[in-house]
Amino acid sequence: MTAGESSGSVVRRILLGSQLRRLRESRGITREAAGYSIRASESKISRMELGRVSFKARDVEDLLTLYGVSDSAERESLLALAREANLAGWWHSYGDVLPGWFQTYVGLEGAASLIRVYEVQFVHGLLQTEAYAHAVVSRGIPHATAAEVDRRVALRLDRQKVLVAERSPRFHAVLDEAALRRPYGDRDVMRGQLQHLIDISERENVTLQVMPFNFGGHAGESGAFTLLRFPESDLSDLVYLEQLTSALYLDKHEEVTQYERVMDRLQGDCPSPSATRDVLRGLLQLL
């Protein structure tokens, strides 16, 4: 299975969930009643509709019957979507170090056509060198064994393949200057990381900008966030907000729009990508 196919399974899961939600709401059926029909809880229906869990064919069949979907072609189309949505992603092999709440994001990241990120604390994971990632993971999880650290770093490096894939997404990152000045690892690690940012920013699908200290207060005051856009027209844009032990996915149009406006302001207020490379070269000379 290719990375693209496994990432697509996450998108199919979310698409199926959203279609089931629309069918349920069009019939005026509550989540509680839907859950009762498949011998499950209201919370499971919620997770299904958000694409957070796998789908059993029997459950989908029972829900389609409850929602009045009798056309055989429509039923088969949705059941086929359920089968495809249950395909395991490449990241499942990292289940020993990958939190369950992060698995959905990895799949969505791999399926996105546009990824826009703002990062404050450190260089974004898709842009980290192996040595820098090792320093970040070691400091973030001080009690992890050497083997666990290596596994987490390997996962991060596998994620980065999305930027060089045949159908790579457009990736636009805004890094606060603090993320570049805060040392992770020794001087050689930081020099290697800065040089990597200069090099990767030359890729056609990558746009990198730095929000400098001297700009003062700026639009990113709420902290780091990620915006994801997908090629499928039925899948709405998402905002991903990572927390210590979980994550939030925002898909309401008004909420996503607010984050898009913040990102637009950040991009407009930052030095241009070419000027950002000059900033990076200047920081490199200081090390």
Protein backbone atom coordinates (compact mmCIF):
# COMPACT_ATOMS: atom_id res chain seq x y z
CA MET A 1 0.00 0.00 0.00
CA THR A 2 1.38 3.43 -0.90
CA ALA A 3 1.45 6.39 1.45
CA GLY A 4 -1.06 8.17 -0.78
CA GLU A 5 -3.52 5.28 -0.66
CA SER A 6 -3.33 4.95 3.12
CA SER A 7 -3.74 8.70 3.59
CA GLY A 8 -6.72 8.55 1.27
CA SER A 9 -8.38 6.05 3.59
CA VAL A 10 -8.53 8.75 6.29
CA VAL A 11 -10.19 11.14 3.85
CA ARG A 12 -12.70 8.44 2.85
CA ARG A 13 -13.49 7.83 6.51
CA ILE A 14 -14.23 11.50 7.04
CA LEU A 15 -16.23 11.72 3.82
CA LEU A 16 -18.34 8.72 4.81
CA GLY A 17 -18.85 10.16 8.28
CA SER A 18 -20.03 13.48 6.90
CA GLN A 19 -22.43 11.75 4.49
CA LEU A 20 -23.89 9.64 7.30
CA ARG A 21 -24.34 12.80 9.37
CA ARG A 22 -26.17 14.56 6.53
CA LEU A 23 -28.44 11.55 6.04
CA ARG A 24 -29.22 11.37 9.75
CA GLU A 25 -29.95 15.09 10.05
CA SER A 26 -32.14 15.08 6.92
CA ARG A 27 -34.34 12.47 8.62
CA GLY A 28 -34.42 14.33 11.91
CA ILE A 29 -32.90 11.39 13.77
CA THR A 30 -30.89 12.04 16.92
CA ARG A 31 -27.44 10.61 17.52
CA GLU A 32 -28.88 8.74 20.48
CA ALA A 33 -31.49 7.02 18.31
CA ALA A 34 -28.90 6.21 15.66
CA GLY A 35 -26.62 4.73 18.30
CA TYR A 36 -29.46 2.59 19.67
CA SER A 37 -30.10 1.18 16.20
CA ILE A 38 -26.56 -0.21 15.98
CA ARG A 39 -26.27 -1.21 19.64
CA ALA A 40 -23.85 1.63 20.36
CA SER A 41 -23.66 4.91 22.25
CA GLU A 42 -24.37 8.43 21.07
CA SER A 43 -20.65 9.18 21.42
CA LYS A 44 -19.78 6.40 18.97
CA ILE A 45 -22.11 7.93 16.38
CA SER A 46 -20.36 11.24 16.95
CA ARG A 47 -16.94 9.65 16.43
CA MET A 48 -18.17 7.87 13.30
CA GLU A 49 -19.53 11.08 11.84
CA LEU A 50 -16.22 12.83 12.52
CA GLY A 51 -14.29 10.00 10.86
CA ARG A 52 -12.41 9.15 14.06
CA VAL A 53 -13.15 5.40 14.10
CA SER A 54 -13.28 2.55 11.62
CA PHE A 55 -16.61 1.40 10.18
CA LYS A 56 -18.21 -2.03 10.49
CA ALA A 57 -20.16 -2.97 7.38
CA ARG A 58 -23.09 -4.15 9.53
CA ASP A 59 -23.27 -0.79 11.32
CA VAL A 60 -23.25 1.15 8.07
CA GLU A 61 -25.92 -1.11 6.58
CA ASP A 62 -28.16 -0.67 9.64
CA LEU A 63 -27.70 3.10 9.63
CA LEU A 64 -28.50 3.34 5.92
CA THR A 65 -31.70 1.35 6.53
CA LEU A 66 -32.61 3.63 9.44
CA TYR A 67 -31.99 6.69 7.29
CA GLY A 68 -34.22 5.38 4.51
CA VAL A 69 -31.49 4.74 1.94
CA SER A 70 -33.04 1.93 -0.12
CA ASP A 71 -31.46 2.51 -3.53
CA SER A 72 -29.05 -0.41 -4.06
CA ALA A 73 -26.51 1.64 -6.03
CA GLU A 74 -26.35 4.34 -3.34
CA ARG A 75 -26.03 1.76 -0.58
CA GLU A 76 -23.24 -0.10 -2.38
CA SER A 77 -21.39 3.16 -3.04
CA LEU A 78 -21.39 4.03 0.66
CA LEU A 79 -20.50 0.49 1.72
CA ALA A 80 -17.57 0.49 -0.71
CA LEU A 81 -16.43 3.77 0.81
CA ALA A 82 -16.58 2.10 4.24
CA ARG A 83 -14.40 -0.79 3.04
CA GLU A 84 -11.83 1.58 1.56
CA ALA A 85 -11.90 3.75 4.68
CA ASN A 86 -10.83 0.82 6.83
CA LEU A 87 -7.53 0.28 5.04
CA ALA A 88 -4.63 0.67 7.47
CA GLY A 89 -2.24 3.57 6.94
CA TRP A 90 1.55 3.26 6.78
CA TRP A 91 1.77 5.01 10.15
CA HIS A 92 0.03 2.12 11.91
CA SER A 93 3.38 0.37 12.03
CA TYR A 94 4.40 3.12 14.47
CA GLY A 95 1.50 2.36 16.80
CA ASP A 96 3.92 1.73 19.65
CA VAL A 97 4.97 5.40 19.72
CA LEU A 98 2.13 7.14 17.87
CA PRO A 99 -0.73 8.42 20.06
CA GLY A 100 -4.16 7.42 18.79
CA TRP A 101 -5.30 11.04 18.61
CA PHE A 102 -2.39 11.88 16.29
CA GLN A 103 -3.03 9.07 13.82
CA THR A 104 -5.93 10.92 12.19
CA TYR A 105 -3.77 13.99 11.67
CA VAL A 106 -0.95 12.06 10.01
CA GLY A 107 -3.44 10.64 7.53
CA LEU A 108 -4.98 14.03 6.83
CA GLU A 109 -1.57 15.63 6.41
CA GLY A 110 -0.69 13.05 3.79
CA ALA A 111 -3.94 13.61 1.90
CA ALA A 112 -3.94 17.42 1.92
CA SER A 113 -3.33 19.50 -1.19
CA LEU A 114 -2.40 22.59 0.84
CA ILE A 115 -0.79 22.71 4.31
CA ARG A 116 -0.36 26.08 6.05
CA VAL A 117 1.32 26.16 9.45
CA TYR A 118 2.35 28.68 12.08
CA GLU A 119 4.92 27.47 14.62
CA VAL A 120 6.31 29.17 17.70
CA GLN A 121 8.20 26.72 19.90
CA PHE A 122 10.39 24.88 17.39
CA VAL A 123 10.85 24.21 13.70
CA HIS A 124 7.81 22.42 12.29
CA GLY A 125 8.09 18.63 12.15
CA LEU A 126 7.97 18.49 8.33
CA LEU A 127 11.04 20.74 8.20
CA GLN A 128 13.22 19.18 10.90
CA THR A 129 16.54 17.49 10.26
CA GLU A 130 17.12 14.09 11.81
CA ALA A 131 19.55 15.49 14.40
CA TYR A 132 17.25 18.38 15.32
CA ALA A 133 14.24 16.03 15.57
CA HIS A 134 16.25 13.76 17.85
CA ALA A 135 17.01 16.72 20.14
CA VAL A 136 13.36 17.85 20.16
CA VAL A 137 12.02 14.40 20.99
CA SER A 138 14.68 13.74 23.64
CA ARG A 139 13.90 16.99 25.41
CA GLY A 140 10.14 16.66 25.07
CA ILE A 141 10.06 13.09 26.42
CA PRO A 142 12.99 12.94 28.85
CA HIS A 143 12.14 9.48 30.18
CA ALA A 144 11.90 7.82 26.75
CA THR A 145 14.36 5.05 25.98
CA ALA A 146 16.87 5.49 23.16
CA ALA A 147 14.85 3.03 21.07
CA GLU A 148 11.63 5.00 21.62
CA VAL A 149 13.34 8.23 20.63
CA ASP A 150 14.68 6.61 17.46
CA ARG A 151 11.19 5.32 16.56
CA ARG A 152 9.62 8.73 17.00
CA VAL A 153 12.31 10.36 14.90
CA ALA A 154 11.84 7.71 12.20
CA LEU A 155 8.11 8.46 12.15
CA ARG A 156 8.82 12.17 11.73
CA LEU A 157 11.21 11.52 8.85
CA ASP A 158 8.64 9.26 7.16
CA ARG A 159 6.06 12.04 7.46
CA GLN A 160 8.43 14.39 5.63
CA LYS A 161 8.24 12.24 2.49
CA VAL A 162 4.94 13.94 1.73
CA LEU A 163 6.84 17.09 0.68
CA VAL A 164 8.80 15.24 -2.00
CA ALA A 165 6.07 12.86 -3.16
CA GLU A 166 4.89 12.81 -6.77
CA ARG A 167 1.72 14.66 -5.79
CA SER A 168 3.21 16.72 -3.00
CA PRO A 169 1.01 19.37 -1.36
CA ARG A 170 1.79 23.06 -1.35
CA PHE A 171 3.36 23.75 2.03
CA HIS A 172 3.46 27.25 3.50
CA ALA A 173 5.13 27.65 6.89
CA VAL A 174 5.51 30.74 9.05
CA LEU A 175 8.04 30.24 11.84
CA ASP A 176 8.36 32.69 14.69
CA GLU A 177 11.96 33.83 15.10
CA ALA A 178 11.85 32.31 18.59
CA ALA A 179 11.64 28.85 16.99
CA LEU A 180 14.95 29.50 15.23
CA ARG A 181 16.80 31.04 18.15
CA ARG A 182 15.79 28.47 20.76
CA PRO A 183 18.57 25.86 20.63
CA TYR A 184 17.81 22.19 20.32
CA GLY A 185 21.00 20.18 20.30
CA ASP A 186 24.46 21.68 19.95
CA ARG A 187 25.75 24.32 17.56
CA ASP A 188 26.30 21.83 14.75
CA VAL A 189 22.70 20.60 15.05
CA MET A 190 21.35 24.15 14.82
CA ARG A 191 23.63 25.01 11.91
CA GLY A 192 22.46 21.93 10.07
CA GLN A 193 18.84 22.81 10.75
CA LEU A 194 19.17 26.38 9.50
CA GLN A 195 20.96 25.24 6.35
CA HIS A 196 18.22 22.66 5.76
CA LEU A 197 15.57 25.38 5.99
CA ILE A 198 17.45 27.45 3.41
CA ASP A 199 17.73 24.45 1.10
CA ILE A 200 14.16 23.16 1.40
CA SER A 201 12.70 26.65 1.00
CA GLU A 202 14.00 26.55 -2.57
CA ARG A 203 11.57 23.75 -3.43
CA GLU A 204 8.77 24.83 -5.73
CA ASN A 205 6.02 23.54 -3.43
CA VAL A 206 7.51 24.99 -0.21
CA THR A 207 7.11 28.58 0.97
CA LEU A 208 8.90 29.53 4.16
CA GLN A 209 8.67 32.82 6.04
CA VAL A 210 9.97 33.98 9.42
CA MET A 211 8.12 36.36 11.73
CA PRO A 212 10.95 38.52 13.13
CA PHE A 213 11.18 39.75 16.72
CA ASN A 214 11.46 43.35 15.57
CA PHE A 215 7.97 43.27 14.10
CA GLY A 216 6.56 43.26 17.63
CA GLY A 217 3.09 41.93 18.36
CA HIS A 218 1.46 40.08 15.49
CA ALA A 219 -1.63 38.14 14.42
CA GLY A 220 -0.39 34.78 15.70
CA GLU A 221 -0.95 35.62 19.34
CA SER A 222 -3.14 32.54 19.93
CA GLY A 223 -0.24 30.15 19.26
CA ALA A 224 0.65 27.44 16.78
CA PHE A 225 -1.92 26.02 14.36
CA THR A 226 -2.23 24.12 11.09
CA LEU A 227 -4.65 24.67 8.21
CA LEU A 228 -5.39 21.77 5.87
CA ARG A 229 -7.12 21.88 2.50
CA PHE A 230 -8.03 18.80 0.45
CA PRO A 231 -8.57 18.14 -3.27
CA GLU A 232 -11.96 16.52 -2.55
CA SER A 233 -14.71 19.15 -2.88
CA ASP A 234 -16.88 17.35 -0.31
CA LEU A 235 -14.25 17.71 2.41
CA SER A 236 -14.11 21.08 4.13
CA ASP A 237 -10.94 22.85 5.20
CA LEU A 238 -9.72 21.96 8.70
CA VAL A 239 -7.85 23.70 11.49
CA TYR A 240 -5.67 21.42 13.61
CA LEU A 241 -4.75 22.53 17.13
CA GLU A 242 -2.40 20.23 19.00
CA GLN A 243 -2.49 19.98 22.78
CA LEU A 244 -0.35 18.05 25.25
CA THR A 245 -2.48 14.88 25.32
CA SER A 246 -5.02 15.43 22.55
CA ALA A 247 -5.90 17.62 19.59
CA LEU A 248 -8.80 19.69 18.26
CA TYR A 249 -10.10 19.66 14.69
CA LEU A 250 -12.16 22.69 13.72
CA ASP A 251 -14.22 22.50 10.54
CA LYS A 252 -16.94 25.11 11.04
CA HIS A 253 -16.67 27.64 8.24
CA GLU A 254 -16.61 30.68 10.52
CA GLU A 255 -13.84 29.23 12.70
CA VAL A 256 -11.70 28.12 9.78
CA THR A 257 -12.14 31.55 8.18
CA GLN A 258 -10.78 33.28 11.29
CA TYR A 259 -7.63 31.17 11.20
CA GLU A 260 -7.25 31.75 7.48
CA ARG A 261 -7.37 35.49 8.10
CA VAL A 262 -4.71 35.18 10.80
CA MET A 263 -2.50 33.19 8.45
CA ASP A 264 -3.01 35.72 5.66
CA ARG A 265 -1.96 38.53 8.02
CA LEU A 266 1.08 36.59 9.20
CA GLN A 267 2.19 35.96 5.62
CA GLY A 268 1.60 39.59 4.70
CA ASP A 269 3.53 40.93 7.69
CA CYS A 270 6.53 38.60 7.35
CA PRO A 271 9.54 39.25 5.12
CA SER A 272 9.17 37.65 1.71
CA PRO A 273 10.44 34.10 1.15
CA SER A 274 13.64 35.42 -0.47
CA ALA A 275 14.16 37.91 2.36
CA THR A 276 13.51 35.08 4.81
CA ARG A 277 16.43 33.15 3.31
CA ASP A 278 18.60 36.19 4.03
CA VAL A 279 17.36 36.13 7.64
CA LEU A 280 18.25 32.44 7.89
CA ARG A 281 21.73 33.06 6.44
CA GLY A 282 22.24 35.83 8.97
CA LEU A 283 21.27 33.53 11.86
CA LEU A 284 23.56 30.85 10.45
CA GLN A 285 26.51 33.24 10.53
CA LEU A 286 25.89 33.92 14.22
CA LEU A 287 26.48 30.28 15.14
